[in-house]
Amino acid sequence: MTAVAATDIQDGWREHRLEGGVVCDVQSGEIVAHGLSMPHSPRWHQDRLWLLESGADYLGYVDLASGRFERVAFCLGFTRGLAFTDDYAIVGMSNGLTTRRLVANRWTIICNARGSALAVGLL
């Protein structure tokens, strides 16, 4: 399970969305990774816990031994939705929340999905 921030204050997540995101083990209740920017769509695939770091535009996995998020691919757009087929990740993206990179470079994305070979990390 992911959360934008570990807080029990109404709307408290807003001030922590850039680095306050966590990944929790539902069975134990323990936080297994922290310091993420809006983590989303956790999925088990090939013995790894994959997820999207939506606030930073990355696909990656959590190294459960260290609690570190290992970035694999940059995703240009606001990421929401993750699926796998064999050695490929399918990432849903939109411009529902325009990222700073899109604004700074004057790029426009309406909606798209990208595939990434997990071993390569290119999207």
Protein backbone atom coordinates (compact mmCIF):
# COMPACT_ATOMS: atom_id res chain seq x y z
CA MET A 1 0.00 0.00 0.00
CA THR A 2 1.21 3.53 -0.73
CA ALA A 3 0.41 6.90 0.83
CA VAL A 4 1.41 10.41 -0.17
CA ALA A 5 2.41 11.10 3.44
CA ALA A 6 2.39 9.44 6.84
CA THR A 7 0.06 11.87 8.60
CA ASP A 8 -3.23 11.81 10.46
CA ILE A 9 -3.99 15.50 9.91
CA GLN A 10 -6.69 16.42 7.39
CA ASP A 11 -4.96 17.60 4.20
CA GLY A 12 -1.60 17.11 5.96
CA TRP A 13 -0.32 15.23 2.92
CA ARG A 14 -0.25 18.44 0.85
CA GLU A 15 2.83 19.89 2.56
CA HIS A 16 4.67 16.54 2.37
CA ARG A 17 3.83 15.40 -1.17
CA LEU A 18 7.32 16.03 -2.60
CA GLU A 19 9.26 13.80 -0.16
CA GLY A 20 6.77 12.42 2.36
CA GLY A 21 5.46 9.39 0.46
CA VAL A 22 5.61 5.93 2.01
CA VAL A 23 5.14 2.30 1.06
CA CYS A 24 3.61 0.12 3.79
CA ASP A 25 3.49 -3.62 4.30
CA VAL A 26 -0.23 -4.23 4.83
CA GLN A 27 0.24 -7.41 6.88
CA SER A 28 2.75 -6.01 9.36
CA GLY A 29 1.78 -2.34 9.22
CA GLU A 30 5.47 -1.44 8.83
CA ILE A 31 6.73 1.27 6.49
CA VAL A 32 9.11 -0.43 4.04
CA ALA A 33 10.12 2.69 2.06
CA HIS A 34 9.84 6.42 2.68
CA GLY A 35 10.98 9.72 1.21
CA LEU A 36 9.00 9.25 -2.01
CA SER A 37 7.11 11.81 -4.08
CA MET A 38 3.50 10.70 -4.41
CA PRO A 39 4.01 6.91 -4.72
CA HIS A 40 1.30 5.09 -6.66
CA SER A 41 0.23 1.75 -8.18
CA PRO A 42 2.40 -0.77 -6.29
CA ARG A 43 2.66 -4.12 -8.09
CA TRP A 44 4.58 -7.35 -7.43
CA HIS A 45 6.40 -8.55 -10.55
CA GLN A 46 9.40 -10.82 -10.96
CA ASP A 47 10.01 -10.91 -7.19
CA ARG A 48 10.16 -7.10 -6.88
CA LEU A 49 7.79 -4.48 -5.54
CA TRP A 50 7.38 -2.03 -8.43
CA LEU A 51 5.65 1.33 -8.19
CA LEU A 52 5.36 4.76 -9.71
CA GLU A 53 6.86 7.82 -8.06
CA SER A 54 4.21 10.08 -9.59
CA GLY A 55 5.48 13.36 -8.17
CA ALA A 56 8.94 12.80 -9.66
CA ASP A 57 7.87 11.04 -12.89
CA TYR A 58 9.65 7.71 -12.32
CA LEU A 59 8.96 3.99 -12.56
CA GLY A 60 11.03 1.91 -10.18
CA TYR A 61 11.10 -0.74 -7.50
CA VAL A 62 11.66 -0.86 -3.77
CA ASP A 63 14.75 -2.69 -2.55
CA LEU A 64 13.09 -4.24 0.49
CA ALA A 65 16.43 -4.96 2.21
CA SER A 66 17.46 -1.29 2.24
CA GLY A 67 14.08 0.46 1.88
CA ARG A 68 15.52 2.38 -1.06
CA PHE A 69 13.49 3.24 -4.18
CA GLU A 70 15.51 2.28 -7.25
CA ARG A 71 14.54 4.42 -10.25
CA VAL A 72 14.42 2.47 -13.52
CA ALA A 73 12.74 4.75 -16.07
CA PHE A 74 11.75 8.41 -16.36
CA CYS A 75 8.10 8.85 -17.37
CA LEU A 76 7.25 12.14 -19.04
CA GLY A 77 3.83 12.98 -17.59
CA PHE A 78 1.79 12.39 -14.46
CA THR A 79 1.90 8.62 -13.86
CA ARG A 80 -1.20 6.72 -12.79
CA GLY A 81 -1.57 3.03 -13.48
CA LEU A 82 0.96 0.25 -13.82
CA ALA A 83 0.71 -3.20 -15.39
CA PHE A 84 3.20 -5.83 -16.54
CA THR A 85 3.45 -8.30 -19.36
CA ASP A 86 6.50 -10.58 -19.37
CA ASP A 87 9.57 -8.30 -19.21
CA TYR A 88 7.65 -5.10 -20.00
CA ALA A 89 5.99 -2.47 -17.84
CA ILE A 90 2.97 -0.55 -19.13
CA VAL A 91 2.64 2.88 -17.49
CA GLY A 92 -0.43 5.10 -17.81
CA MET A 93 0.29 8.82 -17.94
CA SER A 94 -1.66 12.04 -18.35
CA ASN A 95 -1.32 15.74 -17.84
CA GLY A 96 -4.00 15.81 -15.11
CA LEU A 97 -1.43 17.54 -12.93
CA THR A 98 1.12 19.37 -15.07
CA THR A 99 4.64 18.72 -13.84
CA ARG A 100 7.32 21.37 -13.58
CA ARG A 101 9.30 19.68 -16.37
CA LEU A 102 6.37 19.93 -18.78
CA VAL A 103 5.83 23.60 -17.99
CA ALA A 104 9.52 24.52 -18.10
CA ASN A 105 9.98 22.89 -21.50
CA ARG A 106 6.57 23.90 -22.89
CA TRP A 107 5.71 20.27 -23.64
CA THR A 108 2.11 19.14 -23.87
CA ILE A 109 0.78 15.66 -23.12
CA ILE A 110 -2.92 14.94 -23.23
CA CYS A 111 -2.90 11.26 -22.37
CA ASN A 112 -0.74 8.27 -23.23
CA ALA A 113 0.60 4.91 -22.18
CA ARG A 114 4.20 3.80 -22.52
CA GLY A 115 5.94 0.46 -22.46
CA SER A 116 9.36 -0.15 -20.98
CA ALA A 117 11.67 -3.13 -21.16
CA LEU A 118 12.51 -3.65 -17.49
CA ALA A 119 16.13 -4.55 -18.17
CA VAL A 120 16.71 -1.41 -20.24
CA GLY A 121 14.66 1.19 -18.37
CA LEU A 122 13.74 3.29 -21.38
CA LEU A 123 10.27 4.74 -21.75
